Amino acid sequence: MKKLLTILGLATVLLYSCTKKEAIETKPSQTVSISFPEKIADGTIYEVNIRQHTKEGTINAFVKDLPRLKELGVKTLWIMPAQPIGVKNRKEPLGSYYSISDYKKVNPEFGTDEDFQNLVKTTHELGMYLILDWVPNHTAWDHPWITSHPEYYAHDKKGNISHESDWDDIALLDHTHPAVRAAMIEDMKYWVTNFDIDGFRCDHAGHEIPMYFWEEARAAIDPIKNLFWLAEWDGARMHLQFNATYAWALLHLTDDVKKGKTNANDIAKWIDDDLKEYGQKPFRMTMITNHDENSWQGTEFERYGEGVKTFATFIFTAYGVPMLYSGQEVGLNKRLKFFAKDTIDWSDPMQLQPFYKKLVALHADNRALWAGQYGGMPARINNNDPNVYAFQRIKGSNSIIGVLNFSGKPQELQLVDGAAAGVVKDYFTGEQYELSLTKPLKLAPWQYLIFVK
């Protein structure tokens, strides 16, 4: 009898285990929680320039635009620094976001603490995440530390507090000083505990900042909340502590492709080399513009001309986690002033928003295009045209083929093997094409095609 009860007990346990396993497999969203960076592997990062985003230039005015950004498909908002801007040595009338006079306050020009809390709360209610731009490298000249703790700063040979090259509106911090690191970490924790932000975009993350600062910061802050860490830096070592880094070199390489200095072969080599250096797990943020490029190097239309859509399609499909900048989705075609009010024109004269909405959805809906290890490994499709970048990414049953003409002249995709051959349909137009070993695919200048299998 005892043996029979034991057998029945084991059967019950096995039945319960199978039932529970089935529940996990059939309803993962209810039983399995995911963390960063996986939370945004399918998403697009959107850089928010509060000052220029609306006529008012306030947090509350920006909040009104959140439903549109949700509809656009944005997953993560990156808010440029929201703290007060220094007055001493300020550049032009309003100064730089990146010259911060107090890390633990909200810029009164933008709003109040309550306004920022409402921004985060509304963002979360819409199912999006919010990361704050953090400036650990330097402060404004009227930050309280300048007088209370001058030892926190780097000094030149004459004993004066240093600044970075031409950026004389900021004072460089010395992160080899333990007290600097401790004070900075406390200020970062403040935004997590008081505002419930979801992570940090860390400005100049590898410039004059030792890696042990980031080790200490994550050890102190991560137990509070699972966060997303984005480094404004290009270097594999940063992924010891960061989820994502800037693909700066790829941005500059695409600039050179448009100028005719490089071509699709260089693009393919760069991606291969990047994967060898970084591996597949890290998120590499890809972009064709941001606040620096727009203000100092020119708009994407100045830099890419008629190839804008081609290069935008490239960064959303070929590699990494894509980024949009305030106004990019409506064809922002001016260099925004960096130190003065310069409101974005949202009239969308080129009707680009539907195009970007399709790109965001394409990236989100196709697992092969997700970032890092969650997406498919990019593989170039062999062809004989150095101006054509053709690639395939496969994840599970999802397969994406991209064909992009990085040239202002007609080109041809001539396959050299049959791996990608077949009849396919373009994601943007619904038009059918045949990829064949015997019949070249003719491409118009700057044509971009995405085939979803």
Protein backbone atom coordinates (compact mmCIF):
# COMPACT_ATOMS: atom_id res chain seq x y z
CA MET A 1 0.00 0.00 0.00
CA LYS A 2 2.83 2.36 0.90
CA LYS A 3 4.52 1.58 -2.43
CA LEU A 4 1.26 2.30 -4.30
CA LEU A 5 0.89 5.67 -2.55
CA THR A 6 4.44 6.56 -3.47
CA ILE A 7 3.78 5.74 -7.13
CA LEU A 8 0.57 7.79 -7.09
CA GLY A 9 2.42 10.68 -5.46
CA LEU A 10 5.13 10.62 -8.11
CA ALA A 11 2.50 10.55 -10.85
CA THR A 12 0.79 13.57 -9.32
CA VAL A 13 4.09 15.47 -9.17
CA LEU A 14 4.88 14.59 -12.79
CA LEU A 15 1.39 15.63 -13.93
CA TYR A 16 1.70 18.93 -12.06
CA SER A 17 5.18 19.54 -13.47
CA CYS A 18 4.03 18.90 -17.04
CA THR A 19 1.00 21.13 -16.59
CA LYS A 20 3.12 23.91 -15.12
CA LYS A 21 5.71 23.58 -17.90
CA GLU A 22 2.94 23.78 -20.50
CA ALA A 23 1.61 26.94 -18.86
CA ILE A 24 5.03 28.55 -19.00
CA GLU A 25 5.50 27.62 -22.64
CA THR A 26 2.06 28.74 -23.79
CA LYS A 27 1.79 31.93 -21.73
CA PRO A 28 5.34 33.27 -21.30
CA SER A 29 4.19 36.84 -20.78
CA GLN A 30 2.31 35.82 -17.64
CA THR A 31 4.95 33.59 -16.09
CA VAL A 32 8.34 34.82 -17.28
CA SER A 33 9.64 38.32 -16.59
CA ILE A 34 12.45 39.69 -18.72
CA SER A 35 15.03 42.30 -17.82
CA PHE A 36 17.20 44.83 -19.60
CA PRO A 37 18.62 44.75 -22.18
CA GLU A 38 16.23 42.09 -23.52
CA LYS A 39 13.26 44.37 -22.76
CA ILE A 40 14.22 46.65 -25.63
CA ALA A 41 15.86 44.20 -28.03
CA ASP A 42 12.97 44.78 -30.44
CA GLY A 43 12.75 48.51 -29.82
CA THR A 44 13.81 51.89 -31.12
CA ILE A 45 15.54 54.51 -28.93
CA TYR A 46 14.24 58.06 -29.36
CA GLU A 47 16.44 60.98 -28.28
CA VAL A 48 14.35 63.83 -26.83
CA ASN A 49 15.55 67.43 -27.04
CA ILE A 50 13.12 69.00 -24.54
CA ARG A 51 14.17 72.59 -25.32
CA GLN A 52 13.54 72.29 -29.07
CA HIS A 53 10.80 69.65 -29.17
CA THR A 54 7.94 72.09 -28.58
CA LYS A 55 7.27 75.81 -28.85
CA GLU A 56 7.09 75.96 -25.04
CA GLY A 57 10.26 73.91 -24.56
CA THR A 58 8.90 72.35 -21.38
CA ILE A 59 8.41 68.88 -19.97
CA ASN A 60 4.65 69.26 -19.81
CA ALA A 61 4.47 70.35 -23.44
CA PHE A 62 6.52 67.31 -24.44
CA VAL A 63 4.25 64.96 -22.46
CA LYS A 64 1.42 65.85 -24.85
CA ASP A 65 3.46 64.29 -27.68
CA LEU A 66 3.88 60.92 -25.94
CA PRO A 67 0.79 59.30 -27.54
CA ARG A 68 2.15 60.14 -30.99
CA LEU A 69 5.53 58.60 -30.13
CA LYS A 70 3.75 55.52 -28.80
CA GLU A 71 1.84 55.31 -32.09
CA LEU A 72 5.13 55.71 -33.96
CA GLY A 73 6.28 52.58 -32.13
CA VAL A 74 9.04 54.07 -29.97
CA LYS A 75 10.11 51.78 -27.12
CA THR A 76 12.63 53.88 -25.16
CA LEU A 77 12.88 57.64 -24.61
CA TRP A 78 16.34 59.05 -24.03
CA ILE A 79 15.91 62.44 -22.37
CA MET A 80 18.81 64.84 -22.89
CA PRO A 81 20.05 66.25 -19.53
CA ALA A 82 17.13 67.62 -17.53
CA GLN A 83 19.11 69.38 -14.80
CA PRO A 84 19.78 73.13 -14.39
CA ILE A 85 22.36 74.63 -16.77
CA GLY A 86 25.24 76.67 -15.39
CA VAL A 87 25.25 80.45 -15.77
CA LYS A 88 28.96 81.14 -15.27
CA ASN A 89 30.83 80.93 -18.61
CA ARG A 90 27.54 79.95 -20.28
CA LYS A 91 27.60 79.73 -24.06
CA GLU A 92 25.09 82.01 -25.80
CA PRO A 93 21.75 82.78 -24.11
CA LEU A 94 20.63 79.37 -22.81
CA GLY A 95 23.83 77.34 -22.49
CA SER A 96 24.58 73.68 -23.00
CA TYR A 97 22.52 70.83 -21.61
CA TYR A 98 25.87 69.27 -20.73
CA SER A 99 26.98 72.05 -18.37
CA ILE A 100 25.12 71.00 -15.24
CA SER A 101 25.02 73.15 -12.11
CA ASP A 102 23.13 70.71 -9.87
CA TYR A 103 22.69 66.99 -10.54
CA LYS A 104 19.74 66.60 -8.17
CA LYS A 105 17.41 69.27 -9.53
CA VAL A 106 15.16 69.65 -12.57
CA ASN A 107 15.95 72.55 -14.87
CA PRO A 108 13.32 75.18 -13.93
CA GLU A 109 13.20 76.25 -17.60
CA PHE A 110 11.79 72.79 -18.35
CA GLY A 111 9.53 72.37 -15.32
CA THR A 112 9.38 70.98 -11.80
CA ASP A 113 10.17 67.70 -10.06
CA GLU A 114 6.46 66.88 -10.25
CA ASP A 115 6.50 67.52 -13.99
CA PHE A 116 9.39 65.10 -14.51
CA GLN A 117 7.74 62.50 -12.28
CA ASN A 118 4.60 62.81 -14.38
CA LEU A 119 6.67 62.39 -17.55
CA VAL A 120 8.12 59.11 -16.27
CA LYS A 121 4.75 57.91 -14.98
CA THR A 122 2.98 58.67 -18.29
CA THR A 123 5.79 57.03 -20.25
CA HIS A 124 5.41 53.86 -18.19
CA GLU A 125 1.62 53.89 -18.53
CA LEU A 126 2.08 53.89 -22.31
CA GLY A 127 4.35 50.85 -22.09
CA MET A 128 7.57 52.70 -22.86
CA TYR A 129 10.81 53.18 -20.94
CA LEU A 130 12.73 56.34 -20.08
CA ILE A 131 16.48 56.76 -19.67
CA LEU A 132 18.17 59.97 -18.56
CA ASP A 133 21.26 61.49 -20.13
CA TRP A 134 23.92 61.52 -17.41
CA VAL A 135 27.02 63.76 -17.51
CA PRO A 136 29.68 62.28 -15.23
CA ASN A 137 32.72 63.81 -16.94
CA HIS A 138 32.31 67.46 -15.95
CA THR A 139 30.10 70.09 -14.28
CA ALA A 140 29.25 73.74 -14.80
CA TRP A 141 31.58 76.32 -13.25
CA ASP A 142 28.87 77.29 -10.76
CA HIS A 143 28.20 73.79 -9.51
CA PRO A 144 28.52 73.85 -5.67
CA TRP A 145 31.44 71.41 -5.79
CA ILE A 146 33.62 74.08 -7.43
CA THR A 147 33.82 75.97 -4.11
CA SER A 148 32.99 73.27 -1.56
CA HIS A 149 35.15 70.53 -3.05
CA PRO A 150 37.71 71.88 -5.53
CA GLU A 151 39.66 68.68 -4.98
CA TYR A 152 36.94 66.88 -6.94
CA TYR A 153 38.25 68.44 -10.15
CA ALA A 154 41.17 67.88 -12.50
CA HIS A 155 43.81 70.62 -12.34
CA ASP A 156 46.38 71.86 -14.85
CA LYS A 157 50.10 72.37 -14.12
CA LYS A 158 49.38 75.81 -12.71
CA GLY A 159 46.85 74.40 -10.26
CA ASN A 160 43.78 75.73 -12.08
CA ILE A 161 40.70 73.58 -12.63
CA SER A 162 40.81 72.14 -16.13
CA HIS A 163 38.27 72.21 -18.91
CA GLU A 164 38.01 70.14 -22.09
CA SER A 165 39.58 71.70 -25.22
CA ASP A 166 37.18 74.40 -26.55
CA TRP A 167 34.40 73.54 -24.11
CA ASP A 168 35.32 76.24 -21.61
CA ASP A 169 31.81 76.28 -20.12
CA ILE A 170 32.54 73.06 -18.20
CA ALA A 171 35.00 71.96 -15.50
CA LEU A 172 36.52 68.47 -15.63
CA LEU A 173 36.02 66.11 -12.72
CA ASP A 174 38.69 63.75 -11.37
CA HIS A 175 37.16 60.30 -10.93
CA THR A 176 40.31 58.87 -9.41
CA HIS A 177 39.18 60.70 -6.26
CA PRO A 178 36.96 58.25 -4.27
CA ALA A 179 34.76 61.05 -2.89
CA VAL A 180 33.90 62.19 -6.42
CA ARG A 181 32.72 58.73 -7.34
CA ALA A 182 30.70 58.38 -4.14
CA ALA A 183 28.99 61.76 -4.60
CA MET A 184 28.24 61.07 -8.27
CA ILE A 185 26.73 57.67 -7.47
CA GLU A 186 24.48 59.17 -4.80
CA ASP A 187 23.21 61.72 -7.31
CA MET A 188 22.50 58.98 -9.85
CA LYS A 189 20.61 56.93 -7.25
CA TYR A 190 18.46 59.99 -6.55
CA TRP A 191 16.93 59.85 -10.04
CA VAL A 192 16.22 56.15 -9.78
CA THR A 193 14.60 56.32 -6.35
CA ASN A 194 12.76 59.64 -6.73
CA PHE A 195 11.76 59.53 -10.39
CA ASP A 196 11.75 55.81 -11.23
CA ILE A 197 13.79 56.23 -14.41
CA ASP A 198 14.75 53.08 -16.35
CA GLY A 199 18.41 53.72 -16.99
CA PHE A 200 21.12 56.09 -18.09
CA ARG A 201 22.67 57.26 -21.34
CA CYS A 202 26.14 58.13 -20.06
CA ASP A 203 27.87 61.04 -21.76
CA HIS A 204 31.58 60.62 -22.59
CA ALA A 205 31.45 57.36 -20.68
CA GLY A 206 35.05 56.39 -21.43
CA HIS A 207 36.65 59.84 -21.43
CA GLU A 208 38.81 60.45 -18.35
CA ILE A 209 36.54 58.08 -16.43
CA PRO A 210 38.08 54.88 -15.03
CA MET A 211 36.18 51.63 -15.49
CA TYR A 212 36.11 51.09 -11.74
CA PHE A 213 33.73 54.04 -11.45
CA TRP A 214 31.16 52.19 -13.56
CA GLU A 215 31.76 49.01 -11.55
CA GLU A 216 31.04 50.91 -8.35
CA ALA A 217 28.04 52.70 -9.85
CA ARG A 218 26.37 49.53 -11.05
CA ALA A 219 27.10 47.69 -7.80
CA ALA A 220 25.37 50.50 -5.87
CA ILE A 221 22.48 51.29 -8.23
CA ASP A 222 21.47 47.99 -9.84
CA PRO A 223 20.06 46.52 -6.60
CA ILE A 224 17.52 49.36 -6.56
CA LYS A 225 16.09 48.58 -10.00
CA ASN A 226 16.94 46.71 -13.17
CA LEU A 227 18.24 49.42 -15.52
CA PHE A 228 19.41 49.92 -19.09
CA TRP A 229 22.95 51.29 -19.42
CA LEU A 230 23.96 53.04 -22.66
CA ALA A 231 27.49 54.40 -23.09
CA GLU A 232 28.26 57.26 -25.41
CA TRP A 233 31.49 55.56 -26.34
CA ASP A 234 32.83 53.17 -28.93
CA GLY A 235 34.90 50.36 -27.41
CA ALA A 236 34.34 46.70 -26.60
CA ARG A 237 35.70 47.04 -23.06
CA MET A 238 32.72 49.27 -22.17
CA HIS A 239 30.48 46.21 -22.37
CA LEU A 240 32.05 44.97 -19.16
CA GLN A 241 29.54 47.34 -17.53
CA PHE A 242 27.24 48.66 -20.27
CA ASN A 243 24.41 47.04 -22.23
CA ALA A 244 24.87 49.25 -25.28
CA THR A 245 27.51 51.44 -26.91
CA TYR A 246 27.58 53.90 -29.80
CA ALA A 247 28.49 52.60 -33.25
CA TRP A 248 30.20 55.94 -33.93
CA ALA A 249 32.54 54.46 -36.52
CA LEU A 250 29.65 53.08 -38.55
CA LEU A 251 27.98 56.50 -38.60
CA HIS A 252 31.14 58.08 -39.96
CA LEU A 253 31.61 55.23 -42.43
CA THR A 254 28.16 55.78 -43.91
CA ASP A 255 29.04 59.47 -44.32
CA ASP A 256 32.05 58.39 -46.36
CA VAL A 257 29.94 56.00 -48.43
CA LYS A 258 27.72 58.91 -49.47
CA LYS A 259 30.82 60.93 -50.38
CA GLY A 260 32.08 58.04 -52.53
CA LYS A 261 35.17 57.50 -50.35
CA THR A 262 34.01 54.02 -49.29
CA ASN A 263 31.43 51.50 -50.51
CA ALA A 264 29.33 48.49 -49.54
CA ASN A 265 32.43 46.31 -49.26
CA ASP A 266 33.70 48.58 -46.48
CA ILE A 267 30.32 48.43 -44.74
CA ALA A 268 30.35 44.62 -44.84
CA LYS A 269 33.92 44.48 -43.53
CA TRP A 270 33.12 46.90 -40.71
CA ILE A 271 30.19 44.81 -39.50
CA ASP A 272 32.24 41.61 -39.67
CA ASP A 273 35.12 43.21 -37.77
CA ASP A 274 32.75 44.70 -35.20
CA LEU A 275 31.21 41.30 -34.51
CA LYS A 276 34.67 39.78 -34.13
CA GLU A 277 35.65 42.50 -31.64
CA TYR A 278 32.43 42.79 -29.64
CA GLY A 279 30.72 39.43 -30.12
CA GLN A 280 27.00 39.16 -30.79
CA LYS A 281 25.63 39.86 -27.30
CA PRO A 282 26.33 43.62 -26.98
CA PHE A 283 23.82 46.15 -28.27
CA ARG A 284 25.43 48.57 -30.74
CA MET A 285 23.37 51.73 -31.19
CA THR A 286 23.11 52.69 -34.85
CA MET A 287 21.99 56.08 -36.18
CA ILE A 288 22.22 58.54 -39.04
CA THR A 289 21.86 61.60 -36.79
CA ASN A 290 21.74 62.76 -33.16
CA HIS A 291 22.10 66.07 -31.34
CA ASP A 292 25.86 66.29 -32.00
CA GLU A 293 25.70 65.36 -35.68
CA ASN A 294 22.73 67.61 -36.37
CA SER A 295 24.15 70.73 -34.75
CA TRP A 296 27.81 70.42 -35.67
CA GLN A 297 28.12 68.20 -38.77
CA GLY A 298 24.88 68.97 -40.55
CA THR A 299 21.43 67.50 -41.05
CA GLU A 300 21.01 64.02 -42.50
CA PHE A 301 19.87 65.70 -45.71
CA GLU A 302 23.10 67.69 -45.91
CA ARG A 303 25.14 64.56 -45.27
CA TYR A 304 23.17 61.88 -47.15
CA GLY A 305 21.15 63.86 -49.71
CA GLU A 306 18.81 61.65 -51.71
CA GLY A 307 20.18 58.60 -49.90
CA VAL A 308 18.55 59.47 -46.54
CA LYS A 309 15.91 56.73 -46.70
CA THR A 310 18.47 54.18 -47.86
CA PHE A 311 20.78 54.80 -44.92
CA ALA A 312 17.84 54.99 -42.49
CA THR A 313 16.66 51.60 -43.72
CA PHE A 314 20.18 50.27 -43.28
CA ILE A 315 20.50 51.25 -39.61
CA PHE A 316 17.06 49.81 -38.79
CA THR A 317 17.71 46.44 -40.40
CA ALA A 318 21.34 45.47 -40.88
CA TYR A 319 22.83 45.75 -37.41
CA GLY A 320 22.32 46.99 -33.86
CA VAL A 321 19.60 48.86 -32.01
CA PRO A 322 18.30 51.86 -34.02
CA MET A 323 17.95 55.42 -32.79
CA LEU A 324 15.83 58.41 -33.85
CA TYR A 325 16.41 62.04 -32.88
CA SER A 326 13.66 64.58 -32.11
CA GLY A 327 12.20 65.67 -35.45
CA GLN A 328 14.05 63.13 -37.58
CA GLU A 329 10.80 61.29 -38.26
CA VAL A 330 9.28 64.43 -39.83
CA GLY A 331 12.27 65.37 -41.95
CA LEU A 332 13.98 67.89 -39.64
CA ASN A 333 16.02 69.76 -42.23
CA LYS A 334 17.92 72.36 -40.26
CA ARG A 335 20.80 72.40 -37.84
CA LEU A 336 19.20 73.02 -34.48
CA LYS A 337 20.91 75.70 -32.41
CA PHE A 338 22.66 74.09 -29.48
CA PHE A 339 22.72 76.98 -27.02
CA ALA A 340 19.53 78.84 -27.96
CA LYS A 341 15.83 78.19 -28.54
CA ASP A 342 15.18 76.77 -31.98
CA THR A 343 11.84 74.95 -32.19
CA ILE A 344 11.46 71.89 -34.43
CA ASP A 345 9.12 72.21 -37.42
CA TRP A 346 6.64 69.31 -37.14
CA SER A 347 4.79 69.97 -40.42
CA ASP A 348 6.53 66.98 -42.08
CA PRO A 349 6.81 68.55 -45.55
CA MET A 350 8.27 65.35 -47.05
CA GLN A 351 5.71 63.09 -45.33
CA LEU A 352 8.44 60.97 -43.78
CA GLN A 353 6.57 59.92 -40.63
CA PRO A 354 4.74 56.99 -42.34
CA PHE A 355 8.10 55.77 -43.65
CA TYR A 356 9.69 55.83 -40.19
CA LYS A 357 6.65 54.23 -38.63
CA LYS A 358 7.04 51.32 -41.07
CA LEU A 359 10.74 51.08 -40.23
CA VAL A 360 10.08 50.98 -36.47
CA ALA A 361 7.41 48.29 -36.99
CA LEU A 362 9.67 46.31 -39.30
CA HIS A 363 12.36 46.19 -36.64
CA ALA A 364 9.91 45.34 -33.85
CA ASP A 365 7.92 42.68 -35.69
CA ASN A 366 10.83 40.65 -37.05
CA ARG A 367 12.92 38.79 -34.51
CA ALA A 368 15.76 38.44 -37.01
CA LEU A 369 16.29 42.23 -36.76
CA TRP A 370 16.39 42.48 -32.97
CA ALA A 371 19.51 43.77 -31.26
CA GLY A 372 22.43 41.73 -30.01
CA GLN A 373 22.04 38.03 -29.30
CA TYR A 374 18.25 38.33 -29.58
CA GLY A 375 18.45 38.96 -33.32
CA GLY A 376 19.96 37.13 -36.26
CA MET A 377 23.64 37.30 -37.15
CA PRO A 378 24.12 39.61 -40.17
CA ALA A 379 25.52 37.75 -43.18
CA ARG A 380 26.37 39.46 -46.44
CA ILE A 381 24.82 37.97 -49.57
CA ASN A 382 27.65 37.50 -52.03
CA ASN A 383 27.40 39.64 -55.17
CA ASN A 384 29.77 41.30 -57.59
CA ASP A 385 28.72 44.94 -57.16
CA PRO A 386 30.79 46.90 -54.61
CA ASN A 387 28.02 49.52 -54.34
CA VAL A 388 25.31 47.05 -53.33
CA TYR A 389 24.99 45.92 -49.74
CA ALA A 390 22.82 42.80 -49.63
CA PHE A 391 22.44 40.86 -46.40
CA GLN A 392 20.38 38.16 -44.75
CA ARG A 393 19.50 37.75 -41.06
CA ILE A 394 17.75 34.67 -39.74
CA LYS A 395 16.34 33.98 -36.29
CA GLY A 396 14.22 30.86 -35.91
CA SER A 397 11.63 30.85 -38.66
CA ASN A 398 12.05 34.57 -39.35
CA SER A 399 14.29 35.55 -42.27
CA ILE A 400 15.04 39.06 -43.56
CA ILE A 401 16.84 39.88 -46.78
CA GLY A 402 17.95 43.45 -47.41
CA VAL A 403 19.23 44.88 -50.68
CA LEU A 404 20.50 48.47 -50.65
CA ASN A 405 22.06 50.47 -53.45
CA PHE A 406 24.62 52.74 -51.79
CA SER A 407 25.05 54.73 -54.97
CA GLY A 408 23.44 57.55 -56.90
CA LYS A 409 23.66 55.45 -60.05
CA PRO A 410 21.74 52.35 -61.19
CA GLN A 411 23.33 49.11 -59.99
CA GLU A 412 22.71 45.37 -60.26
CA LEU A 413 22.57 42.60 -57.68
CA GLN A 414 24.14 39.55 -59.33
CA LEU A 415 24.06 36.59 -56.95
CA VAL A 416 27.12 34.36 -56.94
CA ASP A 417 25.43 31.55 -55.04
CA GLY A 418 21.86 30.32 -54.72
CA ALA A 419 21.40 30.61 -50.95
CA ALA A 420 19.14 33.67 -51.22
CA ALA A 421 17.50 32.79 -54.55
CA GLY A 422 13.73 32.83 -54.88
CA VAL A 423 10.67 35.00 -55.43
CA VAL A 424 10.34 37.65 -52.73
CA LYS A 425 8.09 40.62 -51.90
CA ASP A 426 9.30 44.08 -50.85
CA TYR A 427 8.14 45.15 -47.39
CA PHE A 428 7.59 48.78 -48.39
CA THR A 429 5.77 48.47 -51.71
CA GLY A 430 4.46 44.89 -51.82
CA GLU A 431 6.09 44.48 -55.23
CA GLN A 432 7.45 41.03 -56.12
CA TYR A 433 11.04 40.45 -57.20
CA GLU A 434 13.07 37.45 -58.22
CA LEU A 435 16.50 36.82 -56.78
CA SER A 436 18.29 34.65 -59.30
CA LEU A 437 21.72 33.36 -60.28
CA THR A 438 20.97 33.99 -63.94
CA LYS A 439 18.99 37.21 -63.96
CA PRO A 440 20.50 40.27 -62.20
CA LEU A 441 18.22 42.37 -59.98
CA LYS A 442 18.30 45.90 -61.37
CA LEU A 443 18.36 48.66 -58.75
CA ALA A 444 17.53 52.33 -59.19
CA PRO A 445 19.81 54.95 -57.59
CA TRP A 446 19.65 54.69 -53.78
CA GLN A 447 16.96 51.99 -54.00
CA TYR A 448 16.33 49.98 -50.84
CA LEU A 449 14.43 46.69 -50.70
CA ILE A 450 13.54 44.60 -47.66
CA PHE A 451 12.18 41.09 -48.12
CA VAL A 452 10.48 39.36 -45.17
CA LYS A 453 10.31 35.57 -45.21
